[in-house]
Amino acid sequence: DDLLHRVNAIANACGAVSCRVSESEEERLRFWAGRKAAFP
């Protein structure tokens, strides 16, 4: 929780236009599914 807060602050300082945190294990895996399927 603490690290997410700090990283979110850094992202906003760098000009992030959107930030979204996974609220479940299914959502976390879905975030990674897109990255891992990027090549195909």
PDB file of all heavy atoms in Angstrom:
ATOM      1  N   ASP A   1       0.832  -1.208   0.000  1.00  0.00           N
ATOM      2  CA  ASP A   1       0.000   0.000   0.000  1.00  0.00           C
ATOM      3  C   ASP A   1       0.868   1.259   0.000  1.00  0.00           C
ATOM      4  O   ASP A   1       0.584   2.228  -0.722  1.00  0.00           O
ATOM      5  CB  ASP A   1      -0.927   0.011   1.221  1.00  0.00           C
ATOM      6  CG  ASP A   1      -2.044  -1.023   1.117  1.00  0.00           C
ATOM      7  OD1 ASP A   1      -2.289  -1.507  -0.008  1.00  0.00           O
ATOM      8  OD2 ASP A   1      -2.652  -1.340   2.155  1.00  0.00           O
ATOM      9  N   ASP A   2       1.912   1.267   0.816  1.00  0.00           N
ATOM     10  CA  ASP A   2       2.787   2.432   0.892  1.00  0.00           C
ATOM     11  C   ASP A   2       3.516   2.652  -0.439  1.00  0.00           C
ATOM     12  O   ASP A   2       3.599   3.788  -0.931  1.00  0.00           O
ATOM     13  CB  ASP A   2       3.810   2.244   2.022  1.00  0.00           C
ATOM     14  CG  ASP A   2       4.800   3.391   2.107  1.00  0.00           C
ATOM     15  OD1 ASP A   2       4.368   4.533   2.380  1.00  0.00           O
ATOM     16  OD2 ASP A   2       6.001   3.163   1.862  1.00  0.00           O
ATOM     17  N   LEU A   3       4.029   1.578  -1.027  1.00  0.00           N
ATOM     18  CA  LEU A   3       4.765   1.706  -2.287  1.00  0.00           C
ATOM     19  C   LEU A   3       3.848   2.155  -3.425  1.00  0.00           C
ATOM     20  O   LEU A   3       4.252   2.948  -4.282  1.00  0.00           O
ATOM     21  CB  LEU A   3       5.440   0.380  -2.639  1.00  0.00           C
ATOM     22  CG  LEU A   3       6.592  -0.049  -1.718  1.00  0.00           C
ATOM     23  CD1 LEU A   3       7.118  -1.416  -2.131  1.00  0.00           C
ATOM     24  CD2 LEU A   3       7.724   0.976  -1.752  1.00  0.00           C
ATOM     25  N   LEU A   4       2.626   1.642  -3.441  1.00  0.00           N
ATOM     26  CA  LEU A   4       1.686   2.078  -4.470  1.00  0.00           C
ATOM     27  C   LEU A   4       1.432   3.574  -4.364  1.00  0.00           C
ATOM     28  O   LEU A   4       1.362   4.286  -5.379  1.00  0.00           O
ATOM     29  CB  LEU A   4       0.370   1.314  -4.336  1.00  0.00           C
ATOM     30  CG  LEU A   4       0.338  -0.100  -4.916  1.00  0.00           C
ATOM     31  CD1 LEU A   4      -0.954  -0.810  -4.506  1.00  0.00           C
ATOM     32  CD2 LEU A   4       0.463  -0.066  -6.437  1.00  0.00           C
ATOM     33  N   HIS A   5       1.293   4.066  -3.149  1.00  0.00           N
ATOM     34  CA  HIS A   5       1.075   5.502  -2.941  1.00  0.00           C
ATOM     35  C   HIS A   5       2.267   6.306  -3.455  1.00  0.00           C
ATOM     36  O   HIS A   5       2.094   7.328  -4.144  1.00  0.00           O
ATOM     37  CB  HIS A   5       0.853   5.770  -1.453  1.00  0.00           C
ATOM     38  CG  HIS A   5       0.705   7.228  -1.121  1.00  0.00           C
ATOM     39  ND1 HIS A   5      -0.458   7.943  -1.387  1.00  0.00           N
ATOM     40  CD2 HIS A   5       1.588   8.113  -0.564  1.00  0.00           C
ATOM     41  CE1 HIS A   5      -0.296   9.202  -1.010  1.00  0.00           C
ATOM     42  NE2 HIS A   5       0.936   9.316  -0.500  1.00  0.00           N
ATOM     43  N   ARG A   6       3.478   5.845  -3.162  1.00  0.00           N
ATOM     44  CA  ARG A   6       4.682   6.569  -3.580  1.00  0.00           C
ATOM     45  C   ARG A   6       4.855   6.526  -5.101  1.00  0.00           C
ATOM     46  O   ARG A   6       5.184   7.535  -5.728  1.00  0.00           O
ATOM     47  CB  ARG A   6       5.914   5.973  -2.888  1.00  0.00           C
ATOM     48  CG  ARG A   6       5.930   6.201  -1.380  1.00  0.00           C
ATOM     49  CD  ARG A   6       7.076   5.441  -0.712  1.00  0.00           C
ATOM     50  NE  ARG A   6       8.368   5.878  -1.242  1.00  0.00           N
ATOM     51  CZ  ARG A   6       9.511   5.231  -1.012  1.00  0.00           C
ATOM     52  NH1 ARG A   6       9.503   4.099  -0.299  1.00  0.00           N
ATOM     53  NH2 ARG A   6      10.643   5.685  -1.495  1.00  0.00           N
ATOM     54  N   VAL A   7       4.635   5.362  -5.694  1.00  0.00           N
ATOM     55  CA  VAL A   7       4.781   5.246  -7.151  1.00  0.00           C
ATOM     56  C   VAL A   7       3.720   6.079  -7.860  1.00  0.00           C
ATOM     57  O   VAL A   7       3.997   6.729  -8.882  1.00  0.00           O
ATOM     58  CB  VAL A   7       4.700   3.765  -7.589  1.00  0.00           C
ATOM     59  CG1 VAL A   7       4.645   3.653  -9.108  1.00  0.00           C
ATOM     60  CG2 VAL A   7       5.891   2.984  -7.052  1.00  0.00           C
ATOM     61  N   ASN A   8       2.514   6.089  -7.343  1.00  0.00           N
ATOM     62  CA  ASN A   8       1.449   6.893  -7.926  1.00  0.00           C
ATOM     63  C   ASN A   8       1.829   8.374  -7.920  1.00  0.00           C
ATOM     64  O   ASN A   8       1.596   9.095  -8.895  1.00  0.00           O
ATOM     65  CB  ASN A   8       0.152   6.676  -7.148  1.00  0.00           C
ATOM     66  CG  ASN A   8      -1.059   7.259  -7.854  1.00  0.00           C
ATOM     67  OD1 ASN A   8      -1.552   6.685  -8.820  1.00  0.00           O
ATOM     68  ND2 ASN A   8      -1.533   8.399  -7.372  1.00  0.00           N
ATOM     69  N   ALA A   9       2.439   8.826  -6.821  1.00  0.00           N
ATOM     70  CA  ALA A   9       2.870  10.222  -6.723  1.00  0.00           C
ATOM     71  C   ALA A   9       3.970  10.528  -7.741  1.00  0.00           C
ATOM     72  O   ALA A   9       3.972  11.600  -8.374  1.00  0.00           O
ATOM     73  CB  ALA A   9       3.355  10.518  -5.303  1.00  0.00           C
ATOM     74  N   ILE A  10       4.899   9.611  -7.911  1.00  0.00           N
ATOM     75  CA  ILE A  10       5.975   9.807  -8.891  1.00  0.00           C
ATOM     76  C   ILE A  10       5.403   9.872 -10.301  1.00  0.00           C
ATOM     77  O   ILE A  10       5.780  10.722 -11.120  1.00  0.00           O
ATOM     78  CB  ILE A  10       7.018   8.675  -8.775  1.00  0.00           C
ATOM     79  CG1 ILE A  10       7.763   8.763  -7.445  1.00  0.00           C
ATOM     80  CG2 ILE A  10       8.008   8.725  -9.944  1.00  0.00           C
ATOM     81  CD1 ILE A  10       8.654   7.578  -7.148  1.00  0.00           C
ATOM     82  N   ALA A  11       4.459   8.977 -10.611  1.00  0.00           N
ATOM     83  CA  ALA A  11       3.843   8.962 -11.939  1.00  0.00           C
ATOM     84  C   ALA A  11       3.131  10.283 -12.218  1.00  0.00           C
ATOM     85  O   ALA A  11       3.263  10.863 -13.311  1.00  0.00           O
ATOM     86  CB  ALA A  11       2.870   7.794 -12.058  1.00  0.00           C
ATOM     87  N   ASN A  12       2.400  10.786 -11.249  1.00  0.00           N
ATOM     88  CA  ASN A  12       1.701  12.061 -11.433  1.00  0.00           C
ATOM     89  C   ASN A  12       2.684  13.204 -11.627  1.00  0.00           C
ATOM     90  O   ASN A  12       2.449  14.107 -12.438  1.00  0.00           O
ATOM     91  CB  ASN A  12       0.789  12.338 -10.231  1.00  0.00           C
ATOM     92  CG  ASN A  12      -0.446  11.442 -10.232  1.00  0.00           C
ATOM     93  OD1 ASN A  12      -0.956  11.093 -11.296  1.00  0.00           O
ATOM     94  ND2 ASN A  12      -0.923  11.076  -9.054  1.00  0.00           N
ATOM     95  N   ALA A  13       3.801  13.160 -10.912  1.00  0.00           N
ATOM     96  CA  ALA A  13       4.824  14.200 -11.056  1.00  0.00           C
ATOM     97  C   ALA A  13       5.466  14.172 -12.439  1.00  0.00           C
ATOM     98  O   ALA A  13       5.984  15.193 -12.915  1.00  0.00           O
ATOM     99  CB  ALA A  13       5.878  14.042  -9.967  1.00  0.00           C
ATOM    100  N   CYS A  14       5.431  13.010 -13.068  1.00  0.00           N
ATOM    101  CA  CYS A  14       6.008  12.863 -14.413  1.00  0.00           C
ATOM    102  C   CYS A  14       4.975  13.133 -15.508  1.00  0.00           C
ATOM    103  O   CYS A  14       5.268  12.922 -16.695  1.00  0.00           O
ATOM    104  CB  CYS A  14       6.599  11.472 -14.586  1.00  0.00           C
ATOM    105  SG  CYS A  14       8.050  11.165 -13.550  1.00  0.00           S
ATOM    106  N   GLY A  15       3.777  13.540 -15.125  1.00  0.00           N
ATOM    107  CA  GLY A  15       2.775  13.916 -16.115  1.00  0.00           C
ATOM    108  C   GLY A  15       1.814  12.822 -16.497  1.00  0.00           C
ATOM    109  O   GLY A  15       1.177  12.898 -17.563  1.00  0.00           O
ATOM    110  N   ALA A  16       1.641  11.800 -15.657  1.00  0.00           N
ATOM    111  CA  ALA A  16       0.707  10.719 -15.978  1.00  0.00           C
ATOM    112  C   ALA A  16      -0.706  11.284 -16.148  1.00  0.00           C
ATOM    113  O   ALA A  16      -1.152  12.126 -15.370  1.00  0.00           O
ATOM    114  CB  ALA A  16       0.717   9.669 -14.874  1.00  0.00           C
ATOM    115  N   VAL A  17      -1.391  10.817 -17.169  1.00  0.00           N
ATOM    116  CA  VAL A  17      -2.758  11.280 -17.432  1.00  0.00           C
ATOM    117  C   VAL A  17      -3.793  10.282 -16.920  1.00  0.00           C
ATOM    118  O   VAL A  17      -4.985  10.588 -16.898  1.00  0.00           O
ATOM    119  CB  VAL A  17      -2.970  11.546 -18.940  1.00  0.00           C
ATOM    120  CG1 VAL A  17      -2.096  12.703 -19.393  1.00  0.00           C
ATOM    121  CG2 VAL A  17      -2.670  10.295 -19.765  1.00  0.00           C
ATOM    122  N   SER A  18      -3.335   9.097 -16.525  1.00  0.00           N
ATOM    123  CA  SER A  18      -4.241   8.112 -15.930  1.00  0.00           C
ATOM    124  C   SER A  18      -3.453   7.171 -15.043  1.00  0.00           C
ATOM    125  O   SER A  18      -2.312   6.822 -15.348  1.00  0.00           O
ATOM    126  CB  SER A  18      -4.979   7.315 -17.011  1.00  0.00           C
ATOM    127  OG  SER A  18      -4.085   6.485 -17.729  1.00  0.00           O
ATOM    128  N   CYS A  19      -4.038   6.791 -13.911  1.00  0.00           N
ATOM    129  CA  CYS A  19      -3.435   5.812 -13.011  1.00  0.00           C
ATOM    130  C   CYS A  19      -4.549   4.910 -12.485  1.00  0.00           C
ATOM    131  O   CYS A  19      -5.581   5.399 -12.031  1.00  0.00           O
ATOM    132  CB  CYS A  19      -2.729   6.491 -11.837  1.00  0.00           C
ATOM    133  SG  CYS A  19      -1.143   7.264 -12.240  1.00  0.00           S
ATOM    134  N   ARG A  20      -4.315   3.625 -12.546  1.00  0.00           N
ATOM    135  CA  ARG A  20      -5.336   2.673 -12.116  1.00  0.00           C
ATOM    136  C   ARG A  20      -4.662   1.513 -11.397  1.00  0.00           C
ATOM    137  O   ARG A  20      -3.712   0.916 -11.923  1.00  0.00           O
ATOM    138  CB  ARG A  20      -6.107   2.181 -13.340  1.00  0.00           C
ATOM    139  CG  ARG A  20      -7.172   1.141 -13.051  1.00  0.00           C
ATOM    140  CD  ARG A  20      -7.870   0.771 -14.341  1.00  0.00           C
ATOM    141  NE  ARG A  20      -8.621  -0.459 -14.266  1.00  0.00           N
ATOM    142  CZ  ARG A  20      -9.044  -1.135 -15.328  1.00  0.00           C
ATOM    143  NH1 ARG A  20      -8.774  -0.673 -16.544  1.00  0.00           N
ATOM    144  NH2 ARG A  20      -9.722  -2.251 -15.179  1.00  0.00           N
ATOM    145  N   VAL A  21      -5.148   1.188 -10.213  1.00  0.00           N
ATOM    146  CA  VAL A  21      -4.562   0.119  -9.405  1.00  0.00           C
ATOM    147  C   VAL A  21      -5.479  -1.096  -9.437  1.00  0.00           C
ATOM    148  O   VAL A  21      -6.706  -0.966  -9.343  1.00  0.00           O
ATOM    149  CB  VAL A  21      -4.360   0.592  -7.950  1.00  0.00           C
ATOM    150  CG1 VAL A  21      -3.814  -0.547  -7.092  1.00  0.00           C
ATOM    151  CG2 VAL A  21      -3.418   1.783  -7.902  1.00  0.00           C
ATOM    152  N   SER A  22      -4.890  -2.274  -9.581  1.00  0.00           N
ATOM    153  CA  SER A  22      -5.694  -3.506  -9.598  1.00  0.00           C
ATOM    154  C   SER A  22      -6.379  -3.692  -8.252  1.00  0.00           C
ATOM    155  O   SER A  22      -5.770  -3.522  -7.195  1.00  0.00           O
ATOM    156  CB  SER A  22      -4.812  -4.714  -9.920  1.00  0.00           C
ATOM    157  OG  SER A  22      -3.838  -4.911  -8.908  1.00  0.00           O
ATOM    158  N   GLU A  23      -7.654  -4.059  -8.280  1.00  0.00           N
ATOM    159  CA  GLU A  23      -8.434  -4.242  -7.057  1.00  0.00           C
ATOM    160  C   GLU A  23      -8.713  -5.705  -6.759  1.00  0.00           C
ATOM    161  O   GLU A  23      -9.348  -6.025  -5.761  1.00  0.00           O
ATOM    162  CB  GLU A  23      -9.758  -3.473  -7.171  1.00  0.00           C
ATOM    163  CG  GLU A  23      -9.591  -1.971  -7.335  1.00  0.00           C
ATOM    164  CD  GLU A  23      -8.907  -1.321  -6.136  1.00  0.00           C
ATOM    165  OE1 GLU A  23      -8.987  -1.900  -5.023  1.00  0.00           O
ATOM    166  OE2 GLU A  23      -8.277  -0.259  -6.311  1.00  0.00           O
ATOM    167  N   SER A  24      -8.228  -6.603  -7.629  1.00  0.00           N
ATOM    168  CA  SER A  24      -8.413  -8.039  -7.413  1.00  0.00           C
ATOM    169  C   SER A  24      -7.298  -8.787  -8.126  1.00  0.00           C
ATOM    170  O   SER A  24      -6.598  -8.229  -8.984  1.00  0.00           O
ATOM    171  CB  SER A  24      -9.772  -8.501  -7.958  1.00  0.00           C
ATOM    172  OG  SER A  24      -9.806  -8.378  -9.375  1.00  0.00           O
ATOM    173  N   GLU A  25      -7.138 -10.048  -7.770  1.00  0.00           N
ATOM    174  CA  GLU A  25      -6.124 -10.871  -8.427  1.00  0.00           C
ATOM    175  C   GLU A  25      -6.457 -11.055  -9.897  1.00  0.00           C
ATOM    176  O   GLU A  25      -5.562 -11.059 -10.764  1.00  0.00           O
ATOM    177  CB  GLU A  25      -6.017 -12.230  -7.729  1.00  0.00           C
ATOM    178  CG  GLU A  25      -5.011 -13.190  -8.346  1.00  0.00           C
ATOM    179  CD  GLU A  25      -3.567 -12.711  -8.243  1.00  0.00           C
ATOM    180  OE1 GLU A  25      -3.309 -11.654  -7.648  1.00  0.00           O
ATOM    181  OE2 GLU A  25      -2.683 -13.414  -8.781  1.00  0.00           O
ATOM    182  N   GLU A  26      -7.733 -11.169 -10.214  1.00  0.00           N
ATOM    183  CA  GLU A  26      -8.147 -11.320 -11.616  1.00  0.00           C
ATOM    184  C   GLU A  26      -7.770 -10.093 -12.430  1.00  0.00           C
ATOM    185  O   GLU A  26      -7.309 -10.207 -13.560  1.00  0.00           O
ATOM    186  CB  GLU A  26      -9.655 -11.568 -11.695  1.00  0.00           C
ATOM    187  CG  GLU A  26     -10.124 -12.903 -11.138  1.00  0.00           C
ATOM    188  CD  GLU A  26     -10.101 -12.956  -9.609  1.00  0.00           C
ATOM    189  OE1 GLU A  26     -10.083 -11.876  -8.961  1.00  0.00           O
ATOM    190  OE2 GLU A  26     -10.095 -14.080  -9.066  1.00  0.00           O
ATOM    191  N   GLU A  27      -7.958  -8.922 -11.831  1.00  0.00           N
ATOM    192  CA  GLU A  27      -7.625  -7.690 -12.550  1.00  0.00           C
ATOM    193  C   GLU A  27      -6.117  -7.564 -12.726  1.00  0.00           C
ATOM    194  O   GLU A  27      -5.639  -7.146 -13.783  1.00  0.00           O
ATOM    195  CB  GLU A  27      -8.175  -6.479 -11.808  1.00  0.00           C
ATOM    196  CG  GLU A  27      -8.044  -5.181 -12.597  1.00  0.00           C
ATOM    197  CD  GLU A  27      -8.730  -4.015 -11.929  1.00  0.00           C
ATOM    198  OE1 GLU A  27      -8.828  -4.003 -10.678  1.00  0.00           O
ATOM    199  OE2 GLU A  27      -9.194  -3.106 -12.654  1.00  0.00           O
ATOM    200  N   ARG A  28      -5.348  -7.931 -11.709  1.00  0.00           N
ATOM    201  CA  ARG A  28      -3.884  -7.892 -11.827  1.00  0.00           C
ATOM    202  C   ARG A  28      -3.409  -8.791 -12.960  1.00  0.00           C
ATOM    203  O   ARG A  28      -2.575  -8.397 -13.793  1.00  0.00           O
ATOM    204  CB  ARG A  28      -3.223  -8.325 -10.510  1.00  0.00           C
ATOM    205  CG  ARG A  28      -1.694  -8.267 -10.538  1.00  0.00           C
ATOM    206  CD  ARG A  28      -1.091  -8.868  -9.278  1.00  0.00           C
ATOM    207  NE  ARG A  28      -1.189 -10.321  -9.265  1.00  0.00           N
ATOM    208  CZ  ARG A  28      -0.303 -11.144  -9.830  1.00  0.00           C
ATOM    209  NH1 ARG A  28       0.744 -10.662 -10.483  1.00  0.00           N
ATOM    210  NH2 ARG A  28      -0.468 -12.450  -9.755  1.00  0.00           N
ATOM    211  N   LEU A  29      -3.945  -9.996 -13.016  1.00  0.00           N
ATOM    212  CA  LEU A  29      -3.554 -10.926 -14.073  1.00  0.00           C
ATOM    213  C   LEU A  29      -3.987 -10.418 -15.439  1.00  0.00           C
ATOM    214  O   LEU A  29      -3.299 -10.645 -16.443  1.00  0.00           O
ATOM    215  CB  LEU A  29      -4.169 -12.304 -13.798  1.00  0.00           C
ATOM    216  CG  LEU A  29      -3.625 -13.041 -12.562  1.00  0.00           C
ATOM    217  CD1 LEU A  29      -4.389 -14.332 -12.335  1.00  0.00           C
ATOM    218  CD2 LEU A  29      -2.131 -13.309 -12.705  1.00  0.00           C
ATOM    219  N   ARG A  30      -5.107  -9.706 -15.489  1.00  0.00           N
ATOM    220  CA  ARG A  30      -5.559  -9.150 -16.761  1.00  0.00           C
ATOM    221  C   ARG A  30      -4.610  -8.045 -17.244  1.00  0.00           C
ATOM    222  O   ARG A  30      -4.314  -7.943 -18.429  1.00  0.00           O
ATOM    223  CB  ARG A  30      -6.980  -8.617 -16.620  1.00  0.00           C
ATOM    224  CG  ARG A  30      -7.632  -8.278 -17.948  1.00  0.00           C
ATOM    225  CD  ARG A  30      -9.147  -8.191 -17.847  1.00  0.00           C
ATOM    226  NE  ARG A  30      -9.585  -7.176 -16.894  1.00  0.00           N
ATOM    227  CZ  ARG A  30     -10.184  -7.433 -15.743  1.00  0.00           C
ATOM    228  NH1 ARG A  30     -10.397  -8.693 -15.366  1.00  0.00           N
ATOM    229  NH2 ARG A  30     -10.572  -6.456 -14.938  1.00  0.00           N
ATOM    230  N   PHE A  31      -4.121  -7.225 -16.314  1.00  0.00           N
ATOM    231  CA  PHE A  31      -3.141  -6.206 -16.675  1.00  0.00           C
ATOM    232  C   PHE A  31      -1.923  -6.864 -17.332  1.00  0.00           C
ATOM    233  O   PHE A  31      -1.407  -6.398 -18.346  1.00  0.00           O
ATOM    234  CB  PHE A  31      -2.678  -5.434 -15.440  1.00  0.00           C
ATOM    235  CG  PHE A  31      -3.680  -4.468 -14.874  1.00  0.00           C
ATOM    236  CD1 PHE A  31      -3.404  -3.773 -13.703  1.00  0.00           C
ATOM    237  CD2 PHE A  31      -4.907  -4.249 -15.492  1.00  0.00           C
ATOM    238  CE1 PHE A  31      -4.317  -2.881 -13.168  1.00  0.00           C
ATOM    239  CE2 PHE A  31      -5.833  -3.358 -14.957  1.00  0.00           C
ATOM    240  CZ  PHE A  31      -5.538  -2.673 -13.793  1.00  0.00           C
ATOM    241  N   TRP A  32      -1.464  -7.969 -16.724  1.00  0.00           N
ATOM    242  CA  TRP A  32      -0.274  -8.644 -17.244  1.00  0.00           C
ATOM    243  C   TRP A  32      -0.570  -9.424 -18.520  1.00  0.00           C
ATOM    244  O   TRP A  32       0.314  -9.609 -19.363  1.00  0.00           O
ATOM    245  CB  TRP A  32       0.313  -9.581 -16.188  1.00  0.00           C
ATOM    246  CG  TRP A  32       1.104  -8.858 -15.146  1.00  0.00           C
ATOM    247  CD1 TRP A  32       0.852  -8.800 -13.808  1.00  0.00           C
ATOM    248  CD2 TRP A  32       2.282  -8.070 -15.356  1.00  0.00           C
ATOM    249  NE1 TRP A  32       1.784  -8.027 -13.173  1.00  0.00           N
ATOM    250  CE2 TRP A  32       2.681  -7.567 -14.097  1.00  0.00           C
ATOM    251  CE3 TRP A  32       3.041  -7.750 -16.477  1.00  0.00           C
ATOM    252  CZ2 TRP A  32       3.804  -6.757 -13.928  1.00  0.00           C
ATOM    253  CZ3 TRP A  32       4.157  -6.939 -16.319  1.00  0.00           C
ATOM    254  CH2 TRP A  32       4.527  -6.449 -15.060  1.00  0.00           C
ATOM    255  N   ALA A  33      -1.803  -9.871 -18.675  1.00  0.00           N
ATOM    256  CA  ALA A  33      -2.148 -10.659 -19.870  1.00  0.00           C
ATOM    257  C   ALA A  33      -1.915  -9.863 -21.142  1.00  0.00           C
ATOM    258  O   ALA A  33      -1.429 -10.389 -22.151  1.00  0.00           O
ATOM    259  CB  ALA A  33      -3.596 -11.120 -19.795  1.00  0.00           C
ATOM    260  N   GLY A  34      -2.243  -8.571 -21.104  1.00  0.00           N
ATOM    261  CA  GLY A  34      -2.014  -7.734 -22.277  1.00  0.00           C
ATOM    262  C   GLY A  34      -0.541  -7.614 -22.601  1.00  0.00           C
ATOM    263  O   GLY A  34      -0.121  -7.726 -23.755  1.00  0.00           O
ATOM    264  N   ARG A  35       0.275  -7.393 -21.577  1.00  0.00           N
ATOM    265  CA  ARG A  35       1.720  -7.268 -21.802  1.00  0.00           C
ATOM    266  C   ARG A  35       2.314  -8.576 -22.313  1.00  0.00           C
ATOM    267  O   ARG A  35       3.099  -8.584 -23.253  1.00  0.00           O
ATOM    268  CB  ARG A  35       2.406  -6.840 -20.492  1.00  0.00           C
ATOM    269  CG  ARG A  35       3.926  -7.017 -20.461  1.00  0.00           C
ATOM    270  CD  ARG A  35       4.630  -6.236 -21.551  1.00  0.00           C
ATOM    271  NE  ARG A  35       6.057  -6.532 -21.567  1.00  0.00           N
ATOM    272  CZ  ARG A  35       6.613  -7.486 -22.303  1.00  0.00           C
ATOM    273  NH1 ARG A  35       5.849  -8.270 -23.067  1.00  0.00           N
ATOM    274  NH2 ARG A  35       7.915  -7.681 -22.291  1.00  0.00           N
ATOM    275  N   LYS A  36       1.926  -9.695 -21.721  1.00  0.00           N
ATOM    276  CA  LYS A  36       2.527 -10.971 -22.109  1.00  0.00           C
ATOM    277  C   LYS A  36       2.051 -11.441 -23.483  1.00  0.00           C
ATOM    278  O   LYS A  36       2.687 -12.277 -24.106  1.00  0.00           O
ATOM    279  CB  LYS A  36       2.258 -12.032 -21.046  1.00  0.00           C
ATOM    280  CG  LYS A  36       3.000 -11.744 -19.742  1.00  0.00           C
ATOM    281  CD  LYS A  36       3.165 -12.983 -18.897  1.00  0.00           C
ATOM    282  CE  LYS A  36       4.119 -12.702 -17.742  1.00  0.00           C
ATOM    283  NZ  LYS A  36       4.493 -13.910 -16.999  1.00  0.00           N
ATOM    284  N   ALA A  37       0.934 -10.890 -23.947  1.00  0.00           N
ATOM    285  CA  ALA A  37       0.431 -11.253 -25.274  1.00  0.00           C
ATOM    286  C   ALA A  37       0.818 -10.219 -26.322  1.00  0.00           C
ATOM    287  O   ALA A  37       0.334 -10.277 -27.451  1.00  0.00           O
ATOM    288  CB  ALA A  37      -1.085 -11.406 -25.232  1.00  0.00           C
ATOM    289  N   ALA A  38       1.702  -9.291 -25.956  1.00  0.00           N
ATOM    290  CA  ALA A  38       2.023  -8.192 -26.872  1.00  0.00           C
ATOM    291  C   ALA A  38       2.664  -8.686 -28.164  1.00  0.00           C
ATOM    292  O   ALA A  38       2.352  -8.177 -29.249  1.00  0.00           O
ATOM    293  CB  ALA A  38       2.947  -7.194 -26.170  1.00  0.00           C
ATOM    294  N   PHE A  39       3.547  -9.679 -28.080  1.00  0.00           N
ATOM    295  CA  PHE A  39       4.218 -10.148 -29.295  1.00  0.00           C
ATOM    296  C   PHE A  39       3.226 -10.762 -30.283  1.00  0.00           C
ATOM    297  O   PHE A  39       3.193 -10.364 -31.451  1.00  0.00           O
ATOM    298  CB  PHE A  39       5.326 -11.140 -28.949  1.00  0.00           C
ATOM    299  CG  PHE A  39       6.543 -10.512 -28.305  1.00  0.00           C
ATOM    300  CD1 PHE A  39       6.561  -9.162 -27.968  1.00  0.00           C
ATOM    301  CD2 PHE A  39       7.657 -11.269 -28.024  1.00  0.00           C
ATOM    302  CE1 PHE A  39       7.678  -8.583 -27.368  1.00  0.00           C
ATOM    303  CE2 PHE A  39       8.784 -10.708 -27.425  1.00  0.00           C
ATOM    304  CZ  PHE A  39       8.791  -9.364 -27.085  1.00  0.00           C
ATOM    305  N   PRO A  40       2.412 -11.749 -29.869  1.00  0.00           N
ATOM    306  CA  PRO A  40       1.418 -12.260 -30.828  1.00  0.00           C
ATOM    307  C   PRO A  40       0.410 -11.198 -31.242  1.00  0.00           C
ATOM    308  O   PRO A  40      -0.090 -11.230 -32.373  1.00  0.00           O
ATOM    309  CB  PRO A  40       0.744 -13.413 -30.077  1.00  0.00           C
ATOM    310  CG  PRO A  40       1.042 -13.185 -28.643  1.00  0.00           C
ATOM    311  CD  PRO A  40       2.372 -12.508 -28.599  1.00  0.00           C
TER     312      PRO A  40
END
